[in-house]
Structure formats: structure tokens, C-alpha cells
Amino acid sequence: MSAIVWIAVASLVAWCWLLLCQGFFWRTDVRLPPRRSPGAWPPVCVVVPARDEAAVLPASLPSLLAQDYPGRAEIVLVDDGSTDGTGELARELSGRHGGLPLTVDSPGEPPAGWTGKLWAVRHGIGLARARDPEYLLLTDADIAHAPDSLRELVATARTGGFDVVSQMARLRVESLWERLVVPAFVYFFAQLYPFRRIGRRGSRTAAAAGGCVLLRADTAVRAGIPDAIRHAVIDDVALARAVRRAGGHVWLGLAERVDSVRPYPRLHDLWRMVSRSAYAQLRHSPPLLLGTVAGLALVYLVPPAAVVTGAVAGSTATWVAGALAWAVMTGTYLPMLRYYRQPPWLAPLLPFTAFLYLLMTVDSAVQHYRGRGAAWKGRTYARPDVRPEEG
């Protein structure tokens, strides 16, 4: 057989392995497990780090203020050096909507070795500890919660004995680029961190979704959070790993009524979202970057290329191997599209989206070696030991 046939067969074998041996990552039925209401509802403090979030707060903060929680709960919003009136708007929304008590405070600029978000989280947790909560809900400023979200998270943690209960918020999918890129983002994340494996005791796989993380307060102390992960750009995965190392039990699944309201209308917006942390995910390693590019090409780009090449060259073996691999790929993507209520005809376009992610990953590495590092909200994180610089 020719080299192209072997490559097409290798891609098909890779897809058969992913289908059956990667924790059934493609299934979307990992939701909050069965739970029951505790006899006494523990106190909870919600910590919201916020930097220049005035555009999304009116759609997200009222949902936190309106939480229907039977126990004691309050919100700490940490205004991380915003220039758009985030803190003032939060106070105004609290006065207008009422609901849970809200405290707004600011930590000042982060010291060397800290990312801005985690410095804000540290400040928020410090304020929360004065309230002696049993649980901390760490949630981003763009996340809107259903009225019973906090109650369901706490009930899940108590029933299952979880130290972390995290939900992957449903991201917005309204623009064309959001429809193409966003469901694939969650699909790729689940492929790297299969949700079923994360929830098993003793599993080596650990991850969380930073938009919605319920964390036991004493576990945070035991795991040294957030100090132990103070330089992490991908802070949610780092948090879950720190909890797992401390002997904690982590659960992660897809959300049903926890939604991100942040828009990504243009490809440029989504590109920035992915590229700011892609190379950090690879631990800034050139060999891992080369392996990732080769893996993405073999798994996602070879199938359509083999179909075209086989048809042009008249190689039935090449065409069949490529078509089968593409069919498996398409089939595993359909459940995620259904979860996001998107049309099934987007599934065969996954190779195109994967090619975009390949370019984003390479661009992330290029930006790193140009000294720009991971940039977000006016801060750049070039290396863990470098102080964030204002943009």
C-alpha cells in the first residue's frame, strides 16, 4: 500500500480508539448527578472576579442576586482595576434588584508571579473567609445562573461528597463564527479531559470549568488555593489538579441552566480567546506543540484529504479509510451540536474548525516567543515569573 493509504488507515485507527477508549468523551449526558437536599443548608459565599465587565454584568449579576438558596449566602465581587465602572454598576444593580447581599471591593494591582484573575480571587476568598462559609462558588462575571443553580450545586456536593462541583457553562452561539467554533471548543476540551473520568475517585484526570466552580472552603485551604496556582493562565484546570493532589474529589459536567452571556461575534474575538492560553496548555513546550500540530493534522485533516486524494487518484482504499474516519468524526460531534441546539450539517465541517484551532495554537506559540505572552483584559503574562504588564 502507498504512504497515503497508510496515513488514512492510521487516522481511521485513531478515530476508532477515540470513539471507544477516550472515556466516551463525545457523549453529552454528564449532567449534575442525582442529589438530595441536605438537612441543613451550609453557608456559601459567591466570589466574582471582574475586570472591565460593565457590558455583561446587567445580564449576569442579577441572576446571582436572585439565587433561591435556603441557607445563608452572599456575594463578593472583586473589581480588578476596571476602567469602565464595573464596581459602581455592580452596586447599582444590587440596589435595583435586591436579593443576596453584595460586597464590592478591589485588591489593587497583582504582585509579581500572580495572574490578575487569581489575585482577585485570592482577595475575594480572603473577604469570604471572614463570613466562615462552608462552600465558595467561584464564578465569572459573564455567567448567568438559573435561580436554583447554587442550591443544586450545594446539594450535589453534599450528596456525592465532592470537594469541587464544576459545570461547563453553555457558551453563546448566535453569530456564524460562534456556531462554527464554540461547540468545537467544548468538544475538544472534553476530548482532552473526559468528564466521566474526572468524576471517578482515584482518577488521574482532573479539570474544572472556571465559569462555575463550587469549592469546599476547607479544601481550598488544604490545597493552597489560590496561592498554589497563582501563576496559572488556565486557572480552572490548575485548580482541579491542586484539589486532586490534596486528595479531593472533583466532578465536572455540562450545564443545563448556567450560561455565558459574553458575545464572540467575530472570528478575531474567538481567536483571542483560544490563542491566549493554547500554548500555556502545552506547557510552552516546542515538542508538545509539534506533536499537537501533527496529531490535529492526522486526526482531523487527513480524513477529508484522503477522501479527495482517493477520489482523484482512483485509490479505493484511501477513499474508504478517509470516508470512514470522517464519518466517525462527524458522528462523535453530533451530540455536542445537539446540546448547543445547532443544525447537524455543521458536523462534517469539523475538519475546517480543527484547522482554525491548529492555526490558533501555532499563533499562541508565535506570540509567546515574540515576548507578548498570554494577553487578556489589558494584561500580558509572558512567563510565570514575570509581572503582568499593563497594555
Protein backbone atom coordinates (compact mmCIF):
# COMPACT_ATOMS: atom_id res chain seq x y z
CA MET A 1 0.00 0.00 0.00
CA SER A 2 1.12 3.57 -0.66
CA ALA A 3 2.04 6.01 2.10
CA ILE A 4 -1.24 7.94 1.75
CA VAL A 5 -3.20 4.73 2.32
CA TRP A 6 -1.23 4.00 5.49
CA ILE A 7 -1.79 7.55 6.72
CA ALA A 8 -5.54 7.31 6.04
CA VAL A 9 -5.70 3.95 7.85
CA ALA A 10 -3.77 5.45 10.78
CA SER A 11 -6.34 8.24 11.00
CA LEU A 12 -9.17 5.71 10.98
CA VAL A 13 -7.49 3.67 13.74
CA ALA A 14 -7.03 6.86 15.79
CA TRP A 15 -10.74 7.63 15.46
CA CYS A 16 -11.74 4.11 16.47
CA TRP A 17 -9.58 4.48 19.58
CA LEU A 18 -11.06 7.91 20.39
CA LEU A 19 -14.58 6.55 19.89
CA LEU A 20 -14.19 3.63 22.29
CA CYS A 21 -11.22 4.29 24.58
CA GLN A 22 -11.18 8.01 25.46
CA GLY A 23 -13.80 7.98 28.18
CA PHE A 24 -16.71 8.28 25.72
CA PHE A 25 -15.81 11.98 25.63
CA TRP A 26 -18.30 12.60 22.83
CA ARG A 27 -21.35 11.85 24.95
CA THR A 28 -23.13 14.86 26.41
CA ASP A 29 -25.15 13.18 29.16
CA VAL A 30 -22.76 14.01 32.02
CA ARG A 31 -25.00 16.42 33.94
CA LEU A 32 -25.44 17.04 37.66
CA PRO A 33 -25.75 13.58 39.27
CA PRO A 34 -28.68 12.52 41.49
CA ARG A 35 -28.80 14.65 44.62
CA ARG A 36 -30.92 15.31 47.67
CA SER A 37 -31.44 18.37 49.82
CA PRO A 38 -29.27 18.46 52.95
CA GLY A 39 -30.91 18.62 56.34
CA ALA A 40 -29.29 22.00 56.98
CA TRP A 41 -28.10 24.21 54.15
CA PRO A 42 -24.47 25.29 54.67
CA PRO A 43 -23.34 28.91 54.34
CA VAL A 44 -21.93 29.85 50.94
CA CYS A 45 -20.00 32.83 49.63
CA VAL A 46 -20.01 33.62 45.91
CA VAL A 47 -16.74 35.15 44.64
CA VAL A 48 -16.86 37.01 41.32
CA PRO A 49 -13.60 38.39 39.88
CA ALA A 50 -14.47 41.16 37.44
CA ARG A 51 -12.28 43.34 35.21
CA ASP A 52 -13.99 45.70 32.77
CA GLU A 53 -17.23 43.70 32.76
CA ALA A 54 -19.80 46.51 32.61
CA ALA A 55 -21.07 45.25 29.27
CA VAL A 56 -22.11 41.83 30.63
CA LEU A 57 -22.95 42.49 34.29
CA PRO A 58 -26.58 43.59 33.65
CA ALA A 59 -27.24 40.15 32.12
CA SER A 60 -25.35 38.10 34.72
CA LEU A 61 -25.19 39.71 38.16
CA PRO A 62 -28.99 39.90 38.69
CA SER A 63 -29.12 36.11 38.28
CA LEU A 64 -26.72 35.72 41.22
CA LEU A 65 -28.56 38.26 43.33
CA ALA A 66 -31.78 36.31 42.69
CA GLN A 67 -30.47 32.92 43.83
CA ASP A 68 -33.14 30.96 45.68
CA TYR A 69 -30.89 29.47 48.34
CA PRO A 70 -32.40 28.26 51.63
CA GLY A 71 -29.22 28.87 53.66
CA ARG A 72 -27.00 31.90 54.26
CA ALA A 73 -25.37 33.17 51.08
CA GLU A 74 -23.76 36.39 49.95
CA ILE A 75 -21.74 37.70 47.02
CA VAL A 76 -18.29 39.26 46.91
CA LEU A 77 -17.50 40.97 43.62
CA VAL A 78 -13.83 41.87 43.25
CA ASP A 79 -13.37 44.83 40.93
CA ASP A 80 -9.96 44.07 39.43
CA GLY A 81 -8.81 47.51 38.32
CA SER A 82 -11.70 48.14 35.97
CA THR A 83 -11.82 51.34 33.94
CA ASP A 84 -15.44 51.02 32.76
CA GLY A 85 -17.26 51.49 36.07
CA THR A 86 -17.73 47.77 36.80
CA GLY A 87 -17.77 48.24 40.57
CA GLU A 88 -20.21 51.15 40.51
CA LEU A 89 -22.52 49.29 38.15
CA ALA A 90 -22.49 46.24 40.42
CA ARG A 91 -23.58 48.35 43.39
CA GLU A 92 -26.30 49.96 41.29
CA LEU A 93 -27.62 46.58 40.12
CA SER A 94 -27.65 45.32 43.70
CA GLY A 95 -29.63 48.36 44.84
CA ARG A 96 -32.07 47.97 41.96
CA HIS A 97 -32.65 44.21 42.15
CA GLY A 98 -32.06 43.43 45.82
CA GLY A 99 -31.61 39.77 46.67
CA LEU A 100 -28.44 38.32 48.16
CA PRO A 101 -26.12 40.76 49.98
CA LEU A 102 -23.35 42.12 47.75
CA THR A 103 -19.90 43.38 48.74
CA VAL A 104 -17.75 45.14 46.13
CA ASP A 105 -14.04 45.60 46.80
CA SER A 106 -10.78 45.99 44.90
CA PRO A 107 -7.43 44.25 45.53
CA GLY A 108 -5.07 46.64 43.77
CA GLU A 109 -2.54 45.54 41.16
CA PRO A 110 -1.26 41.95 41.36
CA PRO A 111 2.29 41.41 42.62
CA ALA A 112 4.97 39.58 40.63
CA GLY A 113 4.13 35.95 39.95
CA TRP A 114 0.34 36.37 40.09
CA THR A 115 -2.16 36.49 37.25
CA GLY A 116 -4.69 39.26 37.69
CA LYS A 117 -7.71 36.97 37.94
CA LEU A 118 -6.19 34.75 40.63
CA TRP A 119 -5.03 37.77 42.62
CA ALA A 120 -8.64 38.98 42.53
CA VAL A 121 -9.87 35.51 43.54
CA ARG A 122 -7.39 35.50 46.45
CA HIS A 123 -8.72 38.83 47.64
CA GLY A 124 -12.31 37.64 47.30
CA ILE A 125 -11.63 34.41 49.19
CA GLY A 126 -9.93 36.43 51.93
CA LEU A 127 -13.05 38.57 52.32
CA ALA A 128 -15.27 35.50 52.17
CA ARG A 129 -13.42 33.70 54.96
CA ALA A 130 -14.49 36.40 57.39
CA ARG A 131 -18.04 35.07 56.79
CA ASP A 132 -16.90 31.49 57.59
CA PRO A 133 -18.59 29.80 54.60
CA GLU A 134 -18.52 26.04 54.10
CA TYR A 135 -18.51 26.45 50.33
CA LEU A 136 -17.18 29.01 47.88
CA LEU A 137 -18.78 29.48 44.48
CA LEU A 138 -16.17 30.86 42.09
CA THR A 139 -17.98 32.20 39.03
CA ASP A 140 -17.01 34.56 36.24
CA ALA A 141 -18.70 37.89 35.68
CA ASP A 142 -20.19 36.79 32.36
CA ILE A 143 -22.01 33.74 33.76
CA ALA A 144 -25.78 33.81 34.29
CA HIS A 145 -27.24 31.24 36.70
CA ALA A 146 -30.75 29.84 36.94
CA PRO A 147 -32.44 30.74 40.26
CA ASP A 148 -31.81 27.27 41.71
CA SER A 149 -28.21 26.96 40.48
CA LEU A 150 -26.49 27.47 43.84
CA ARG A 151 -28.95 25.17 45.61
CA GLU A 152 -28.40 22.38 43.08
CA LEU A 153 -24.61 22.72 43.21
CA VAL A 154 -24.53 22.50 47.01
CA ALA A 155 -26.95 19.56 47.05
CA THR A 156 -24.73 17.75 44.54
CA ALA A 157 -21.58 18.40 46.56
CA ARG A 158 -23.19 17.22 49.79
CA THR A 159 -24.81 14.13 48.27
CA GLY A 160 -21.75 12.97 46.32
CA GLY A 161 -19.10 14.03 48.81
CA PHE A 162 -17.44 16.21 46.18
CA ASP A 163 -14.84 18.84 47.07
CA VAL A 164 -15.34 20.53 43.69
CA VAL A 165 -18.52 20.59 41.62
CA SER A 166 -17.99 22.42 38.35
CA GLN A 167 -20.26 22.97 35.37
CA MET A 168 -19.17 23.86 31.85
CA ALA A 169 -21.40 26.84 31.19
CA ARG A 170 -23.25 26.83 27.88
CA LEU A 171 -21.44 29.42 25.76
CA ARG A 172 -23.24 31.78 23.42
CA VAL A 173 -23.81 30.51 19.85
CA GLU A 174 -25.54 33.22 17.82
CA SER A 175 -23.08 34.52 15.22
CA LEU A 176 -21.80 32.38 12.35
CA TRP A 177 -18.34 32.10 13.88
CA GLU A 178 -19.76 31.19 17.27
CA ARG A 179 -21.71 28.36 15.66
CA LEU A 180 -18.59 27.05 13.93
CA VAL A 181 -16.09 27.45 16.77
CA VAL A 182 -17.84 27.33 20.16
CA PRO A 183 -19.33 23.79 20.19
CA ALA A 184 -15.99 22.51 18.90
CA PHE A 185 -14.22 24.27 21.78
CA VAL A 186 -16.21 22.26 24.32
CA TYR A 187 -15.87 19.09 22.21
CA PHE A 188 -12.06 19.44 22.16
CA PHE A 189 -11.99 20.20 25.90
CA ALA A 190 -13.98 17.04 26.64
CA GLN A 191 -11.64 15.08 24.39
CA LEU A 192 -8.66 16.24 26.46
CA TYR A 193 -10.47 15.85 29.81
CA PRO A 194 -13.25 13.24 29.51
CA PHE A 195 -15.90 14.20 32.04
CA ARG A 196 -16.62 10.60 33.04
CA ARG A 197 -13.04 10.07 34.14
CA ILE A 198 -12.90 13.29 36.15
CA GLY A 199 -15.74 12.23 38.44
CA ARG A 200 -14.22 8.86 39.36
CA ARG A 201 -12.43 8.57 42.69
CA GLY A 202 -8.77 7.80 42.15
CA SER A 203 -8.81 9.04 38.57
CA ARG A 204 -5.70 10.85 37.36
CA THR A 205 -7.77 13.13 35.11
CA ALA A 206 -8.67 16.45 36.73
CA ALA A 207 -10.27 19.55 35.25
CA ALA A 208 -12.86 22.19 36.02
CA ALA A 209 -14.63 24.96 34.12
CA GLY A 210 -13.72 28.33 35.60
CA GLY A 211 -17.09 29.93 34.99
CA CYS A 212 -18.81 27.79 37.63
CA VAL A 213 -16.79 26.11 40.39
CA LEU A 214 -18.27 25.22 43.77
CA LEU A 215 -15.35 24.55 46.14
CA ARG A 216 -15.31 23.42 49.75
CA ALA A 217 -13.64 26.18 51.80
CA ASP A 218 -11.56 23.78 53.89
CA THR A 219 -10.41 22.00 50.73
CA ALA A 220 -9.25 25.34 49.33
CA VAL A 221 -7.08 25.78 52.44
CA ARG A 222 -5.75 22.22 52.24
CA ALA A 223 -4.90 22.56 48.54
CA GLY A 224 -3.38 26.02 48.96
CA ILE A 225 -5.83 27.67 46.57
CA PRO A 226 -5.27 30.09 45.04
CA ASP A 227 -1.65 30.64 46.14
CA ALA A 228 -0.50 27.25 44.81
CA ILE A 229 -1.72 28.13 41.31
CA ARG A 230 -1.07 31.87 41.38
CA HIS A 231 0.74 31.99 38.02
CA ALA A 232 -1.68 29.70 36.13
CA VAL A 233 -3.22 31.16 32.97
CA ILE A 234 -5.54 28.13 32.68
CA ASP A 235 -6.63 28.52 36.28
CA ASP A 236 -9.64 26.18 36.25
CA VAL A 237 -7.66 23.09 35.26
CA ALA A 238 -4.87 24.08 37.66
CA LEU A 239 -7.41 24.41 40.50
CA ALA A 240 -8.85 20.95 39.85
CA ARG A 241 -5.38 19.41 39.76
CA ALA A 242 -4.42 21.08 43.04
CA VAL A 243 -7.57 19.73 44.68
CA ARG A 244 -6.90 16.25 43.28
CA ARG A 245 -3.30 16.33 44.58
CA ALA A 246 -4.66 17.24 48.02
CA GLY A 247 -6.87 14.15 47.96
CA GLY A 248 -10.06 15.92 46.95
CA HIS A 249 -12.91 14.56 44.83
CA VAL A 250 -13.71 16.55 41.68
CA TRP A 251 -16.80 16.46 39.46
CA LEU A 252 -17.23 18.26 36.11
CA GLY A 253 -20.12 18.11 33.69
CA LEU A 254 -22.15 20.09 31.20
CA ALA A 255 -24.54 22.74 32.47
CA GLU A 256 -28.23 22.84 31.76
CA ARG A 257 -29.09 26.30 33.07
CA VAL A 258 -25.75 28.03 33.57
CA ASP A 259 -24.94 30.20 30.56
CA SER A 260 -22.21 32.55 29.43
CA VAL A 261 -23.58 35.85 28.16
CA ARG A 262 -20.26 37.03 26.71
CA PRO A 263 -20.53 37.52 22.92
CA TYR A 264 -17.82 36.48 20.47
CA PRO A 265 -19.33 37.88 17.27
CA ARG A 266 -16.16 37.90 15.15
CA LEU A 267 -13.52 35.29 14.40
CA HIS A 268 -10.97 37.70 15.87
CA ASP A 269 -12.73 37.58 19.25
CA LEU A 270 -12.75 33.78 19.32
CA TRP A 271 -9.16 33.66 18.06
CA ARG A 272 -8.01 35.80 21.01
CA MET A 273 -10.00 33.66 23.44
CA VAL A 274 -8.28 30.46 22.29
CA SER A 275 -4.79 31.69 21.44
CA ARG A 276 -4.25 33.48 24.76
CA SER A 277 -3.94 30.14 26.56
CA ALA A 278 -3.36 27.46 23.91
CA TYR A 279 0.45 27.39 24.22
CA ALA A 280 0.20 27.54 28.02
CA GLN A 281 -1.92 24.38 27.79
CA LEU A 282 1.12 22.80 26.08
CA ARG A 283 3.39 24.00 28.92
CA HIS A 284 5.26 26.21 26.42
CA SER A 285 6.94 23.10 25.04
CA PRO A 286 8.07 23.06 21.35
CA PRO A 287 7.97 19.22 21.22
CA LEU A 288 4.40 19.23 22.56
CA LEU A 289 3.50 21.92 20.03
CA LEU A 290 4.89 19.85 17.15
CA GLY A 291 3.12 16.74 18.46
CA THR A 292 -0.16 18.63 18.79
CA VAL A 293 0.04 20.03 15.26
CA ALA A 294 0.86 16.58 13.87
CA GLY A 295 -1.94 14.99 15.92
CA LEU A 296 -4.53 17.54 14.80
CA ALA A 297 -3.48 17.04 11.19
CA LEU A 298 -3.63 13.25 11.40
CA VAL A 299 -6.94 13.08 13.25
CA TYR A 300 -8.90 15.94 11.71
CA LEU A 301 -7.31 16.95 8.40
CA VAL A 302 -6.27 13.60 6.94
CA PRO A 303 -9.82 12.16 6.57
CA PRO A 304 -11.18 14.81 4.14
CA ALA A 305 -7.79 14.98 2.40
CA ALA A 306 -7.82 11.19 1.95
CA VAL A 307 -11.35 11.30 0.51
CA VAL A 308 -10.34 13.90 -2.07
CA THR A 309 -6.99 12.26 -2.84
CA GLY A 310 -8.52 8.80 -3.13
CA ALA A 311 -11.24 10.04 -5.47
CA VAL A 312 -8.78 11.91 -7.70
CA ALA A 313 -6.15 9.14 -7.76
CA GLY A 314 -8.67 6.33 -8.06
CA SER A 315 -7.46 4.70 -4.82
CA THR A 316 -10.47 2.94 -3.28
CA ALA A 317 -8.58 2.01 -0.10
CA THR A 318 -7.58 5.64 0.51
CA TRP A 319 -11.09 6.91 -0.15
CA VAL A 320 -12.78 4.29 2.06
CA ALA A 321 -10.39 4.76 5.00
CA GLY A 322 -10.76 8.54 4.82
CA ALA A 323 -14.55 8.39 4.47
CA LEU A 324 -14.91 6.03 7.45
CA ALA A 325 -12.68 8.21 9.64
CA TRP A 326 -14.63 11.31 8.60
CA ALA A 327 -17.90 9.51 9.35
CA VAL A 328 -16.77 8.55 12.86
CA MET A 329 -15.58 12.11 13.46
CA THR A 330 -18.91 13.51 12.28
CA GLY A 331 -20.88 11.06 14.39
CA THR A 332 -18.99 11.90 17.59
CA TYR A 333 -19.55 15.62 17.02
CA LEU A 334 -23.32 15.40 16.54
CA PRO A 335 -24.19 15.07 20.27
CA MET A 336 -22.34 18.32 21.05
CA LEU A 337 -24.17 20.10 18.25
CA ARG A 338 -27.47 18.81 19.63
CA TYR A 339 -26.51 20.07 23.10
CA TYR A 340 -25.91 23.50 21.58
CA ARG A 341 -29.11 23.24 19.51
CA GLN A 342 -27.19 23.60 16.26
CA PRO A 343 -28.04 22.02 12.87
CA PRO A 344 -26.41 18.66 12.12
CA TRP A 345 -24.97 19.86 8.81
CA LEU A 346 -22.26 21.64 10.81
CA ALA A 347 -20.79 18.27 11.88
CA PRO A 348 -18.95 17.48 8.62
CA LEU A 349 -17.31 20.92 8.85
CA LEU A 350 -15.36 19.93 11.96
CA PRO A 351 -12.08 19.47 9.98
CA PHE A 352 -12.29 23.14 8.94
CA THR A 353 -12.83 24.22 12.54
CA ALA A 354 -9.98 21.98 13.70
CA PHE A 355 -7.72 23.65 11.14
CA LEU A 356 -8.64 27.02 12.67
CA TYR A 357 -7.73 25.69 16.11
CA LEU A 358 -4.41 24.42 14.73
CA LEU A 359 -3.64 27.93 13.44
CA MET A 360 -4.72 29.48 16.76
CA THR A 361 -2.38 27.15 18.64
CA VAL A 362 0.56 27.99 16.39
CA ASP A 363 -0.25 31.70 16.72
CA SER A 364 -0.29 31.31 20.52
CA ALA A 365 3.27 29.94 20.36
CA VAL A 366 4.38 32.70 17.99
CA GLN A 367 3.03 35.36 20.35
CA HIS A 368 4.81 33.69 23.26
CA TYR A 369 8.20 33.75 21.53
CA ARG A 370 7.66 37.33 20.44
CA GLY A 371 7.51 38.16 24.13
CA ARG A 372 3.82 39.05 24.12
CA GLY A 373 2.68 36.03 26.11
CA ALA A 374 -0.93 35.42 27.01
CA ALA A 375 -2.85 38.69 26.77
CA TRP A 376 -6.26 39.33 28.31
CA LYS A 377 -8.11 42.37 29.59
CA GLY A 378 -5.14 44.68 29.10
CA ARG A 379 -2.63 42.44 30.86
CA THR A 380 0.06 40.25 29.33
CA TYR A 381 1.51 37.17 31.01
CA ALA A 382 4.75 36.33 29.25
CA ARG A 383 6.14 33.84 31.78
CA PRO A 384 5.08 32.71 35.28
CA ASP A 385 7.94 34.65 36.85
CA VAL A 386 7.23 37.93 35.02
CA ARG A 387 4.99 40.62 36.45
CA PRO A 388 1.88 41.27 34.34
CA GLU A 389 2.30 44.48 32.38
CA GLU A 390 -0.50 46.83 31.53
CA GLY A 391 -1.38 47.01 27.86
